[in-house]
Protein backbone atom coordinates (compact mmCIF):
# COMPACT_ATOMS: atom_id res chain seq x y z
CA MET A 1 82.05 67.12 -8.35
CA HIS A 2 83.74 67.01 -5.11
CA ASN A 3 85.65 63.29 -5.38
CA LEU A 4 85.90 64.72 -9.12
CA SER A 5 88.29 67.95 -7.98
CA GLY A 6 90.39 65.48 -5.42
CA MET A 7 91.05 63.56 -8.11
CA ALA A 8 92.61 66.00 -10.20
CA ARG A 9 94.56 67.61 -7.68
CA ARG A 10 96.04 64.32 -6.88
CA ASN A 11 96.99 63.65 -10.69
CA LEU A 12 98.29 67.03 -10.77
CA TRP A 13 100.44 66.41 -7.71
CA LEU A 14 101.36 62.84 -8.97
CA ALA A 15 102.46 64.63 -12.41
CA ASP A 16 104.34 67.62 -10.82
CA ALA A 17 106.59 64.55 -8.59
CA MET A 18 107.16 63.07 -11.25
CA LEU A 19 108.80 65.81 -13.30
CA LEU A 20 110.72 66.71 -10.53
CA VAL A 21 112.07 63.07 -10.86
CA VAL A 22 112.96 63.61 -14.24
CA ALA A 23 114.55 66.83 -13.21
CA ILE A 24 117.00 64.61 -10.96
CA ILE A 25 117.52 62.17 -13.70
CA TRP A 26 118.66 64.33 -16.20
CA GLY A 27 121.16 66.17 -13.66
CA SER A 28 122.56 63.05 -12.87
CA SER A 29 122.87 62.25 -16.55
CA TYR A 30 126.22 64.41 -16.37
CA ALA A 31 127.93 62.82 -13.72
CA VAL A 32 126.53 59.42 -15.46
CA ALA A 33 127.91 60.21 -18.86
CA LYS A 34 131.15 61.30 -17.36
CA GLN A 35 131.69 58.33 -15.10
CA ALA A 36 131.01 56.10 -18.68
CA LEU A 37 133.37 57.90 -20.38
CA TRP A 38 136.14 56.87 -18.29
CA PHE A 39 135.77 53.42 -20.04
CA TYR A 40 135.22 53.95 -23.49
CA PRO A 41 135.88 56.49 -26.33
CA VAL A 42 132.94 58.82 -27.09
CA LEU A 43 131.98 57.74 -30.59
CA GLY A 44 131.57 54.53 -28.88
CA PHE A 45 129.83 55.19 -25.51
CA LEU A 46 127.15 57.22 -28.16
CA ALA A 47 127.08 54.45 -30.73
CA ILE A 48 126.12 51.36 -27.91
CA ARG A 49 124.01 54.44 -26.22
CA PHE A 50 121.54 55.10 -29.02
CA GLY A 51 121.92 52.18 -30.63
CA LEU A 52 120.16 50.54 -28.13
CA THR A 53 117.51 52.91 -27.70
CA PHE A 54 116.68 52.48 -31.61
CA ILE A 55 116.48 48.77 -30.61
CA LEU A 56 113.79 49.51 -28.04
CA LEU A 57 112.36 52.13 -30.21
CA LEU A 58 112.47 50.06 -33.25
CA PRO A 59 108.77 48.56 -32.80
CA GLN A 60 107.27 52.24 -33.07
CA LEU A 61 108.11 52.59 -36.92
CA ARG A 62 104.73 50.96 -37.97
CA GLY A 63 102.03 52.22 -39.42
CA GLU A 64 101.61 56.32 -38.63
CA GLY A 65 105.26 55.49 -37.38
CA LEU A 66 106.44 55.41 -41.32
CA ARG A 67 105.72 59.41 -40.55
CA ALA A 68 108.79 60.20 -38.74
CA ILE A 69 111.26 59.11 -41.44
CA ARG A 70 111.44 61.34 -43.57
CA PRO A 71 111.73 64.43 -40.85
CA GLY A 72 113.29 62.32 -38.70
CA LEU A 73 116.88 61.43 -41.00
CA PRO A 74 117.80 65.39 -40.95
CA LEU A 75 116.78 66.10 -37.49
CA GLY A 76 119.00 63.02 -36.54
CA LEU A 77 121.88 64.61 -38.52
CA VAL A 78 121.67 67.46 -36.35
CA MET A 79 121.08 65.65 -33.10
CA LEU A 80 124.18 64.09 -34.03
CA CYS A 81 126.13 66.74 -33.96
CA ILE A 82 124.69 68.09 -30.43
CA PHE A 83 125.64 64.69 -28.41
CA LEU A 84 129.01 65.12 -30.25
CA CYS A 85 129.57 68.26 -28.72
CA GLU A 86 127.39 67.65 -25.43
CA THR A 87 129.47 64.47 -24.54
CA TRP A 88 133.58 65.69 -25.37
CA GLY A 89 132.24 68.65 -23.82
CA VAL A 90 131.22 66.77 -20.71
CA MET A 91 134.31 64.77 -20.64
CA LEU A 92 136.33 68.32 -21.03
CA THR A 93 134.37 70.70 -18.53
CA THR A 94 132.78 69.86 -15.13
CA ALA A 95 129.84 68.11 -14.68
CA SER A 96 128.18 71.50 -12.90
CA ASN A 97 129.49 73.85 -15.75
CA ALA A 98 128.19 71.61 -18.36
CA ALA A 99 124.64 71.54 -16.57
CA PHE A 100 124.29 75.31 -16.45
CA LEU A 101 125.60 75.76 -19.62
CA ILE A 102 123.40 73.66 -21.81
CA SER A 103 120.72 74.97 -20.17
CA LEU A 104 120.95 78.26 -22.40
CA CYS A 105 119.60 76.44 -25.40
CA VAL A 106 116.30 77.81 -23.83
CA VAL A 107 117.13 81.57 -24.45
CA PHE A 108 119.12 81.14 -27.86
CA THR A 109 115.81 79.74 -28.68
CA PRO A 110 113.66 82.68 -30.17
CA PHE A 111 116.86 84.43 -31.35
CA VAL A 112 116.94 81.36 -33.55
CA GLU A 113 113.12 81.33 -34.08
CA TRP A 114 113.81 85.32 -35.36
CA ALA A 115 116.63 83.86 -38.11
CA MET A 116 114.65 80.61 -38.94
CA LEU A 117 111.01 81.17 -38.45
CA ARG A 118 111.42 85.62 -38.80
CA GLN A 119 109.15 85.80 -35.40
CA ARG A 120 111.01 88.35 -33.53
CA PRO A 121 111.64 87.98 -30.01
CA SER A 122 109.97 90.83 -27.06
CA ASN A 123 112.58 93.17 -25.77
CA LEU A 124 112.43 91.19 -22.39
CA LEU A 125 113.91 88.19 -23.67
CA PHE A 126 117.05 89.88 -25.00
CA GLY A 127 117.34 91.20 -21.17
CA ALA A 128 117.23 87.58 -20.81
CA CYS A 129 119.56 86.77 -22.98
CA GLY A 130 122.29 89.53 -21.77
CA LEU A 131 121.56 88.17 -18.15
CA SER A 132 122.11 84.64 -19.28
CA LEU A 133 125.36 86.03 -20.69
CA VAL A 134 126.29 87.98 -17.22
CA GLY A 135 125.75 84.64 -15.83
CA VAL A 136 128.23 82.79 -17.95
CA TRP A 137 130.85 85.01 -17.50
CA LEU A 138 130.65 84.91 -13.70
CA LEU A 139 130.54 80.91 -14.21
CA THR A 140 133.42 80.47 -16.52
CA GLY A 141 135.66 82.72 -14.51
CA GLY A 142 134.14 86.36 -14.34
CA MET A 143 137.30 88.83 -14.54
CA ALA A 144 139.87 86.00 -14.95
CA ILE A 145 137.43 84.26 -17.57
CA SER A 146 138.98 80.77 -18.57
CA LEU A 147 136.06 79.50 -21.07
CA ASN A 148 138.07 76.48 -21.75
CA LEU A 149 137.24 73.63 -25.06
CA GLY A 150 134.64 71.96 -23.20
CA ASP A 151 132.69 75.18 -21.61
CA GLY A 152 132.91 76.04 -25.47
CA LEU A 153 131.67 72.68 -26.85
CA MET A 154 128.57 72.84 -24.52
CA LEU A 155 127.67 76.37 -25.61
CA VAL A 156 127.48 75.22 -29.56
CA ALA A 157 125.54 72.39 -28.35
CA ALA A 158 123.07 75.01 -26.69
CA VAL A 159 122.53 77.02 -29.91
CA LEU A 160 122.01 73.48 -31.83
CA ARG A 161 119.54 72.73 -29.76
CA ALA A 162 117.90 75.36 -30.33
CA VAL A 163 118.16 74.97 -34.22
CA LEU A 164 116.91 71.62 -33.89
CA VAL A 165 113.90 72.69 -31.89
CA CYS A 166 112.75 75.18 -34.78
CA LEU A 167 114.01 73.04 -37.26
CA THR A 168 111.56 69.90 -35.96
CA ARG A 169 108.86 72.61 -35.75
CA ARG A 170 109.44 73.54 -39.20
CA LEU A 171 109.59 69.94 -40.71
CA THR A 172 106.95 68.22 -38.89
CA ALA A 173 104.27 70.76 -38.64
CA ASN A 174 100.60 69.49 -39.40
CA LEU A 175 102.63 65.84 -40.05
CA GLY A 176 101.20 64.47 -36.97
CA VAL A 177 104.70 62.66 -36.13
CA PRO A 178 104.54 59.87 -33.50
CA PRO A 179 107.31 61.34 -30.71
CA LEU A 180 108.64 57.89 -29.64
CA ALA A 181 108.88 56.98 -33.72
CA LEU A 182 110.61 60.18 -34.47
CA THR A 183 112.97 59.47 -31.50
CA ALA A 184 113.44 56.25 -32.79
CA VAL A 185 114.84 57.07 -36.27
CA GLN A 186 116.92 59.81 -34.76
CA SER A 187 118.18 57.59 -32.46
CA GLY A 188 119.24 55.13 -35.20
CA VAL A 189 121.00 58.23 -37.28
CA VAL A 190 123.13 59.71 -34.41
CA ALA A 191 124.17 55.72 -33.29
CA SER A 192 125.40 54.83 -37.07
CA GLY A 193 127.12 58.38 -37.65
CA CYS A 194 128.62 58.06 -34.50
CA LEU A 195 129.74 54.26 -35.67
CA VAL A 196 130.66 55.06 -39.03
CA LEU A 197 133.03 58.03 -37.17
CA GLY A 198 134.39 55.63 -34.55
CA LEU A 199 134.78 52.41 -37.03
CA SER A 200 136.88 55.28 -40.13
CA LEU A 201 139.48 56.67 -37.05
CA PRO A 202 142.78 54.85 -36.88
CA GLY A 203 142.64 51.55 -35.08
CA GLY A 204 138.82 51.80 -34.83
CA LEU A 205 137.10 51.28 -31.76
CA PRO A 206 138.39 49.32 -29.28
CA ALA A 207 136.71 45.90 -27.82
CA LEU A 208 133.72 46.39 -25.79
CA PRO A 209 134.04 47.53 -22.36
CA GLN A 210 133.64 44.47 -19.42
CA SER A 211 133.44 47.06 -16.45
CA PRO A 212 130.04 46.74 -14.96
CA ALA A 213 129.96 50.42 -14.19
CA PHE A 214 130.05 51.34 -17.70
CA TRP A 215 127.22 49.40 -18.51
CA ALA A 216 125.16 50.36 -15.49
CA ALA A 217 125.72 53.74 -16.93
CA THR A 218 124.57 53.52 -20.43
CA LEU A 219 121.28 51.60 -19.67
CA TYR A 220 120.22 54.02 -16.71
CA LEU A 221 120.50 56.94 -19.58
CA VAL A 222 119.04 54.59 -22.28
CA GLY A 223 115.93 53.59 -19.32
CA PHE A 224 115.58 56.54 -17.14
CA ALA A 225 117.23 59.63 -18.56
CA THR A 226 115.18 58.66 -22.54
CA LEU A 227 112.78 56.36 -21.82
CA PHE A 228 111.03 57.09 -18.92
CA ALA A 229 111.90 60.93 -19.37
CA LEU A 230 109.57 60.64 -22.88
CA TYR A 231 106.82 59.18 -21.01
CA VAL A 232 106.62 61.02 -17.58
CA GLN A 233 106.46 64.15 -20.44
CA ASN A 234 104.12 63.45 -22.42
CA LEU A 235 102.03 62.25 -19.51
CA ALA A 236 102.35 65.12 -17.75
CA LEU A 237 101.25 67.60 -20.81
CA GLY A 238 98.33 65.41 -20.62
CA ARG A 239 97.37 66.71 -17.12
CA THR A 240 99.44 70.23 -16.69
CA SER A 241 99.63 72.93 -18.80
CA ALA A 242 103.03 73.01 -20.92
CA THR A 243 104.08 76.32 -18.70
CA ARG A 244 104.15 74.26 -15.40
CA VAL A 245 105.90 71.04 -17.01
CA SER A 246 108.80 73.80 -17.99
CA LEU A 247 108.70 75.27 -15.13
CA LEU A 248 109.45 72.59 -13.17
CA MET A 249 112.04 70.99 -15.71
CA GLY A 250 114.10 74.27 -15.00
CA SER A 251 115.35 73.14 -11.97
CA GLU A 252 117.29 70.50 -14.22
CA PRO A 253 120.82 72.64 -13.92
CA LEU A 254 120.49 73.38 -10.26
CA PHE A 255 120.06 69.27 -9.35
CA GLY A 256 123.02 68.83 -12.09
CA ALA A 257 125.29 70.74 -10.02
CA LEU A 258 123.99 69.64 -6.91
CA ILE A 259 125.03 65.68 -8.10
CA ALA A 260 127.84 67.16 -9.53
CA GLY A 261 129.61 68.34 -5.87
CA LEU A 262 128.36 65.02 -4.25
CA TRP A 263 129.38 62.39 -7.01
CA PHE A 264 132.66 63.98 -8.20
CA GLY A 265 133.26 66.72 -5.02
CA GLU A 266 133.61 69.48 -7.57
CA ARG A 267 132.77 73.02 -5.90
CA LEU A 268 131.27 76.12 -7.76
CA GLY A 269 132.46 78.76 -5.33
CA MET A 270 130.40 81.66 -4.42
CA GLN A 271 130.55 83.16 -7.74
CA GLY A 272 129.69 80.03 -10.56
CA TRP A 273 126.72 79.56 -7.95
CA ILE A 274 126.04 83.54 -8.60
CA GLY A 275 126.15 82.65 -12.51
CA GLY A 276 124.62 79.62 -12.45
CA LEU A 277 121.60 80.91 -10.83
CA LEU A 278 121.47 84.09 -13.23
CA ILE A 279 121.09 81.92 -16.29
CA MET A 280 118.26 79.64 -14.38
CA ILE A 281 116.76 83.17 -13.65
CA ALA A 282 117.00 83.80 -17.32
CA THR A 283 116.04 80.48 -19.14
CA LEU A 284 112.89 80.10 -16.37
CA GLY A 285 111.87 83.53 -17.54
CA THR A 286 112.83 83.22 -21.03
CA LEU A 287 110.07 80.08 -20.70
CA TRP A 288 107.52 82.18 -19.02
CA LEU A 289 107.31 85.22 -21.68
CA SER A 290 107.73 83.00 -24.30
CA ARG A 291 104.53 80.86 -23.07
CA SER A 292 102.86 84.42 -22.38
CA ASP A 293 103.43 85.80 -25.72
CA SER A 294 101.94 82.53 -27.76
CA PRO A 295 101.27 79.31 -27.13
CA ALA A 296 102.91 77.11 -29.17
CA PRO A 297 101.31 74.18 -30.52
CA ARG A 298 103.10 70.98 -29.18
CA SER A 299 105.45 69.35 -31.98
CA SER A 300 107.80 66.15 -31.23
CA THR A 301 111.11 66.18 -30.76
CA VAL A 302 114.15 64.61 -29.43
CA ASP A 303 114.79 62.52 -26.44
CA GLY A 304 110.67 63.58 -25.24
CA ALA A 305 111.77 67.21 -25.70
CA LEU A 306 109.18 69.67 -24.56
CA PRO A 307 107.68 71.87 -27.10
CA ALA A 308 108.21 75.32 -28.75
CA GLY A 309 111.58 76.29 -27.06
CA THR A 310 111.46 74.33 -24.38
CA ASP A 311 113.57 71.55 -25.78
CA ARG A 312 115.60 69.83 -23.22
CA GLN A 313 118.32 66.93 -24.18
CA THR A 314 121.03 66.08 -21.97
CA VAL A 315 123.81 63.90 -22.72
CA GLY A 316 120.75 61.35 -20.72
């Protein structure tokens, strides 16, 4: 009995450590994507990144995996819009701002749920939303607010993520859709959409970049920020509670801001840090309230997303 208890504790610590690694990887994905965009345009970068993801996950579309095609097509279109907004947003704003602003999807999700699924948020969630808005106000300038196009695109992406969570729940409920198969279909839709859009532009897409830095960044996002993260989250959800997973992953924006500071020399300033921390507090509070109000069933979402309002999809 003692050995079993010790093994359970070791498994829990291992799951926690792996989740923190994923949070660090996702936090770094904003800076990595920003670097990749120095070498290639947004549409081409997304087509390559998700095309590689689709090829690697193609074997999942067999047997039960075929169930993912019907819900995966419309969900893939929403995902396409999310990544277009996110990737252009990262290019036009700072990586630290992007990391904090995209985390607002957790706060937006209960309100989208209210509109789509007729599930009214609790009064405390309204308070969390107000706190997050104060955080955005401080993060983007306070009294001298300067919400640039990149910040606006990240906010649109956060709302679309919330829509994706609720739509995924609606389209995959009780279907037993394998998450890897769903990710494969969605990745295929994103890659195809970006390729068609890119080739339809005047002049089309440029030749593939030759820079090793571009390919290293792209392979990092595919291998670590998507496939490895998906595996770790599914593994962790089998060993610990969804609430614990959500709270550990809530550190992602903080890691994103720290890595952006080390990588690009970005500096938020005291007001920006206070705004970012308020967004994190609102996000973690929303996760806690969502879990305590009504534990939602686990559902398959893109890029290894967490279930029911804790969906996290970064540009990585």
